[in-house]
Amino acid sequence: MVPYLPSIVETENVQDSINTLYSFLMQNKKVMLNVASGVFVMEDYINIDNSAFLMLTPYYFFLRFFLKKSYRVRVEEFIEAKKRTELIRSDCRKPLPFSHNSVDHIFCSHFLEHLYRDDAKEVLKGFHTILKTGGTVRIVVPDIKVYVDHYNITKDADEFIEGTTLSWPKRPSFLFRLFSVVGGFGLTHLWMYDRASLTKLVEEVGFSVIPLEQTPSPTVESYKMVAQKMDVNLHLAVIKK
């Protein structure tokens, strides 16, 4: 018996989404999403990203002669990621291509801080819509409190701004800005959180905070500030009741 396939909303990658979700359901797996995955794809998850570098992967053979080394490396990382597991290109700021109450778990790491708070709230509302009752989300963002505490010790404002990525010391290149626009969001952080403010945001959407251990997300290696060797990650797990 063929399992029920949830309806998929229209995106430019609708066929990829249908094929991937169908494959998961046929294998009797839970439907778990890794939203804004970048190159950090995970097996047993449907990995979704909209990076401009991901968009370039089909044309890399021709474009590699025109891209600087750092951009070539990023495209090659996405090529390797696509070899490891499913990776769908879709704008993660918009409603994800899955029907209501069809997803078991969402992992969302280092994405929300790249959005304005109102946009992040809309993204979380979308998560709430597609999750099943009892479905969970694990959110990872940089913790602004860590940066503030460090600044209170060093009193180095330049280091603080650069570390938080709230701006850049010099104007980014035209190509960098173009990739940011094409990819849907840039590398600059637009809104940052501590535990209290992130908890307030998820509760506004209707989620309830739960212990991290109650989500299926694996332990993920923390991003660290290279210079200070600080773990800047804030992890928060929530459930749709």
Protein backbone atom coordinates (compact mmCIF):
# COMPACT_ATOMS: atom_id res chain seq x y z
CA MET A 1 0.00 0.00 0.00
CA VAL A 2 1.39 3.38 -0.99
CA PRO A 3 1.45 5.73 2.02
CA TYR A 4 -0.40 9.03 1.90
CA LEU A 5 1.70 11.74 0.34
CA PRO A 6 1.04 15.18 1.86
CA SER A 7 0.28 17.89 -0.66
CA ILE A 8 3.16 20.16 -1.57
CA VAL A 9 2.78 23.91 -2.09
CA GLU A 10 4.15 25.37 -5.31
CA THR A 11 7.85 26.25 -5.41
CA GLU A 12 10.33 26.26 -8.24
CA ASN A 13 11.66 23.00 -6.79
CA VAL A 14 8.29 21.33 -6.28
CA GLN A 15 9.30 18.12 -8.05
CA ASP A 16 12.44 17.79 -5.93
CA SER A 17 10.33 18.27 -2.80
CA ILE A 18 7.75 15.70 -3.87
CA ASN A 19 10.36 13.11 -4.80
CA THR A 20 12.32 13.60 -1.58
CA LEU A 21 9.31 13.48 0.74
CA TYR A 22 7.89 10.49 -1.10
CA SER A 23 11.18 8.65 -0.70
CA PHE A 24 11.18 9.34 3.05
CA LEU A 25 7.62 8.14 3.47
CA MET A 26 8.21 4.99 1.44
CA GLN A 27 11.03 4.11 3.80
CA ASN A 28 8.70 4.63 6.79
CA LYS A 29 10.95 7.30 8.23
CA LYS A 30 9.90 10.31 10.20
CA VAL A 31 9.88 13.48 8.15
CA MET A 32 12.64 15.68 9.59
CA LEU A 33 13.86 18.92 8.05
CA ASN A 34 17.22 20.67 8.29
CA VAL A 35 16.22 24.24 7.42
CA ALA A 36 18.87 26.60 6.00
CA SER A 37 21.34 23.75 6.22
CA GLY A 38 24.14 25.32 4.23
CA VAL A 39 26.72 22.62 3.58
CA PHE A 40 26.03 21.05 7.01
CA VAL A 41 23.64 18.42 5.67
CA MET A 42 22.43 15.53 7.80
CA GLU A 43 21.41 12.04 6.76
CA ASP A 44 17.78 11.05 7.45
CA TYR A 45 16.83 14.73 7.09
CA ILE A 46 15.45 16.67 4.17
CA ASN A 47 18.07 19.40 3.91
CA ILE A 48 16.87 22.76 2.56
CA ASP A 49 18.89 25.83 1.64
CA ASN A 50 18.84 28.77 -0.76
CA SER A 51 22.48 29.76 -0.92
CA ALA A 52 23.64 31.44 -4.11
CA PHE A 53 26.53 28.96 -4.07
CA LEU A 54 24.06 26.07 -4.13
CA MET A 55 22.37 27.70 -7.13
CA LEU A 56 25.71 27.72 -8.98
CA THR A 57 26.44 24.00 -8.56
CA PRO A 58 24.86 22.88 -11.87
CA TYR A 59 26.98 25.42 -13.77
CA TYR A 60 30.21 25.09 -11.84
CA PHE A 61 32.16 23.40 -14.64
CA PHE A 62 31.87 26.58 -16.69
CA LEU A 63 31.84 29.17 -13.90
CA ARG A 64 34.89 27.90 -12.01
CA PHE A 65 37.20 29.87 -14.30
CA PHE A 66 35.52 33.14 -13.33
CA LEU A 67 35.08 32.73 -9.57
CA LYS A 68 37.71 33.66 -7.01
CA LYS A 69 39.14 30.84 -4.91
CA SER A 70 37.00 31.42 -1.80
CA TYR A 71 33.80 31.25 -3.89
CA ARG A 72 35.01 28.15 -5.72
CA VAL A 73 35.57 26.46 -2.38
CA ARG A 74 32.01 27.28 -1.26
CA VAL A 75 30.47 25.90 -4.46
CA GLU A 76 32.59 22.75 -4.20
CA GLU A 77 31.41 22.27 -0.61
CA PHE A 78 27.80 22.32 -1.79
CA ILE A 79 28.62 19.85 -4.57
CA GLU A 80 30.05 17.47 -1.99
CA ALA A 81 27.08 18.01 0.33
CA LYS A 82 24.66 17.07 -2.47
CA LYS A 83 26.59 13.83 -2.96
CA ARG A 84 26.12 12.86 0.68
CA THR A 85 22.35 13.24 0.98
CA GLU A 86 19.25 15.07 -0.23
CA LEU A 87 19.60 18.85 -0.51
CA ILE A 88 16.69 20.91 -1.87
CA ARG A 89 16.98 24.53 -2.93
CA SER A 90 14.13 26.61 -1.57
CA ASP A 91 13.81 30.05 0.02
CA CYS A 92 13.65 29.24 3.72
CA ARG A 93 12.10 32.62 4.53
CA LYS A 94 8.93 31.57 2.73
CA PRO A 95 6.43 28.81 3.63
CA LEU A 96 8.21 25.50 3.24
CA PRO A 97 6.89 23.09 0.58
CA PHE A 98 5.18 20.69 2.98
CA SER A 99 1.54 20.41 3.95
CA HIS A 100 -0.01 21.15 7.34
CA ASN A 101 0.72 18.64 10.11
CA SER A 102 3.11 16.56 7.98
CA VAL A 103 6.53 17.09 9.61
CA ASP A 104 7.90 15.43 12.77
CA HIS A 105 10.95 17.56 13.54
CA ILE A 106 12.80 20.64 12.30
CA PHE A 107 16.43 21.52 12.94
CA CYS A 108 17.20 25.19 12.32
CA SER A 109 20.76 26.34 12.97
CA HIS A 110 22.19 29.84 12.47
CA PHE A 111 19.38 31.14 10.29
CA LEU A 112 16.96 33.20 12.37
CA GLU A 113 19.59 35.78 13.30
CA HIS A 114 19.92 36.65 9.61
CA LEU A 115 16.29 37.81 9.53
CA TYR A 116 14.46 40.77 10.98
CA ARG A 117 12.55 39.74 14.08
CA ASP A 118 9.15 39.98 12.37
CA ASP A 119 10.40 37.80 9.51
CA ALA A 120 11.83 35.27 11.96
CA LYS A 121 8.44 35.16 13.66
CA GLU A 122 6.75 34.40 10.32
CA VAL A 123 9.25 31.60 9.67
CA LEU A 124 8.46 30.09 13.08
CA LYS A 125 4.73 30.37 12.35
CA GLY A 126 5.37 28.39 9.19
CA PHE A 127 7.21 25.74 11.22
CA HIS A 128 4.25 25.54 13.58
CA THR A 129 1.86 25.05 10.67
CA ILE A 130 3.66 22.14 9.00
CA LEU A 131 4.58 20.32 12.23
CA LYS A 132 2.42 17.53 13.54
CA THR A 133 1.01 17.89 17.04
CA GLY A 134 3.90 16.81 19.24
CA GLY A 135 6.38 17.85 16.57
CA THR A 136 9.56 19.58 17.74
CA VAL A 137 12.03 22.23 16.63
CA ARG A 138 15.62 22.66 17.72
CA ILE A 139 16.86 26.20 17.16
CA VAL A 140 20.50 27.27 17.29
CA VAL A 141 21.49 30.94 17.19
CA PRO A 142 24.49 32.93 18.43
CA ASP A 143 23.89 34.09 21.99
CA ILE A 144 24.19 37.88 22.22
CA LYS A 145 24.79 37.56 25.97
CA VAL A 146 28.09 35.78 25.32
CA TYR A 147 29.29 38.67 23.18
CA VAL A 148 28.11 41.29 25.67
CA ASP A 149 29.79 39.51 28.58
CA HIS A 150 33.01 39.29 26.59
CA TYR A 151 32.80 42.97 25.66
CA ASN A 152 32.32 43.91 29.32
CA ILE A 153 35.68 42.28 29.95
CA THR A 154 37.64 43.54 26.94
CA LYS A 155 35.90 46.89 26.31
CA ASP A 156 36.82 46.39 22.65
CA ALA A 157 33.91 47.80 20.63
CA ASP A 158 35.42 46.95 17.24
CA GLU A 159 35.85 43.32 18.25
CA PHE A 160 32.29 43.27 19.58
CA ILE A 161 30.72 44.55 16.34
CA GLU A 162 32.86 42.34 14.16
CA GLY A 163 32.17 39.29 16.32
CA THR A 164 28.41 39.79 16.27
CA THR A 165 28.48 40.34 12.48
CA LEU A 166 26.01 43.19 12.89
CA SER A 167 28.04 45.07 10.30
CA TRP A 168 31.33 44.93 8.41
CA PRO A 169 34.43 47.10 8.82
CA LYS A 170 34.41 47.85 5.09
CA ARG A 171 31.82 47.79 2.34
CA PRO A 172 31.42 44.24 0.94
CA SER A 173 32.25 43.63 -2.69
CA PHE A 174 29.59 43.91 -5.38
CA LEU A 175 29.69 40.15 -5.98
CA PHE A 176 29.27 39.47 -2.25
CA ARG A 177 26.24 41.77 -2.12
CA LEU A 178 24.82 40.18 -5.28
CA PHE A 179 25.17 36.68 -3.82
CA SER A 180 23.42 37.88 -0.66
CA VAL A 181 20.45 39.17 -2.65
CA VAL A 182 20.23 36.10 -4.88
CA GLY A 183 20.52 33.77 -1.90
CA GLY A 184 17.59 35.43 -0.15
CA PHE A 185 19.46 36.69 2.91
CA GLY A 186 22.94 37.96 3.58
CA LEU A 187 25.66 37.01 6.02
CA THR A 188 25.01 40.05 8.20
CA HIS A 189 23.08 39.42 11.40
CA LEU A 190 19.89 41.49 11.52
CA TRP A 191 18.56 40.54 14.97
CA MET A 192 20.20 38.67 17.81
CA TYR A 193 18.87 36.84 20.83
CA ASP A 194 19.59 35.70 24.34
CA ARG A 195 17.67 32.85 25.93
CA ALA A 196 14.92 35.08 27.33
CA SER A 197 14.24 36.94 24.08
CA LEU A 198 14.28 33.76 21.96
CA THR A 199 11.95 32.06 24.42
CA LYS A 200 9.58 35.03 24.21
CA LEU A 201 9.59 34.81 20.40
CA VAL A 202 8.79 31.11 20.18
CA GLU A 203 6.05 31.42 22.82
CA GLU A 204 4.44 34.23 20.82
CA VAL A 205 4.06 31.74 17.96
CA GLY A 206 2.52 29.08 20.20
CA PHE A 207 5.46 26.80 20.94
CA SER A 208 6.41 25.49 24.38
CA VAL A 209 10.03 25.12 25.46
CA ILE A 210 11.22 21.59 26.26
CA PRO A 211 14.56 20.00 27.22
CA LEU A 212 16.97 19.51 24.31
CA GLU A 213 17.04 15.79 25.01
CA GLN A 214 13.42 15.51 23.88
CA THR A 215 14.32 16.26 20.25
CA PRO A 216 15.91 13.82 17.77
CA SER A 217 18.55 16.32 16.58
CA PRO A 218 22.07 14.99 16.98
CA THR A 219 24.71 16.81 18.95
CA VAL A 220 26.07 19.43 16.58
CA GLU A 221 29.62 20.77 16.83
CA SER A 222 29.46 24.28 18.19
CA TYR A 223 30.54 27.29 16.23
CA LYS A 224 33.27 29.04 18.17
CA MET A 225 34.76 32.49 17.96
CA VAL A 226 38.17 31.52 16.68
CA ALA A 227 40.10 34.23 18.48
CA GLN A 228 38.48 33.77 21.88
CA LYS A 229 37.67 30.04 21.62
CA MET A 230 34.20 30.76 23.00
CA ASP A 231 31.14 28.66 22.42
CA VAL A 232 28.65 31.29 21.29
CA ASN A 233 25.74 28.95 20.55
CA LEU A 234 22.33 29.21 22.15
CA HIS A 235 20.26 26.04 21.77
CA LEU A 236 16.51 26.02 22.34
CA ALA A 237 14.10 23.12 21.84
CA VAL A 238 10.36 23.64 21.46
CA ILE A 239 7.27 21.54 20.85
CA LYS A 240 3.91 22.06 19.15
CA LYS A 241 1.23 20.95 21.60
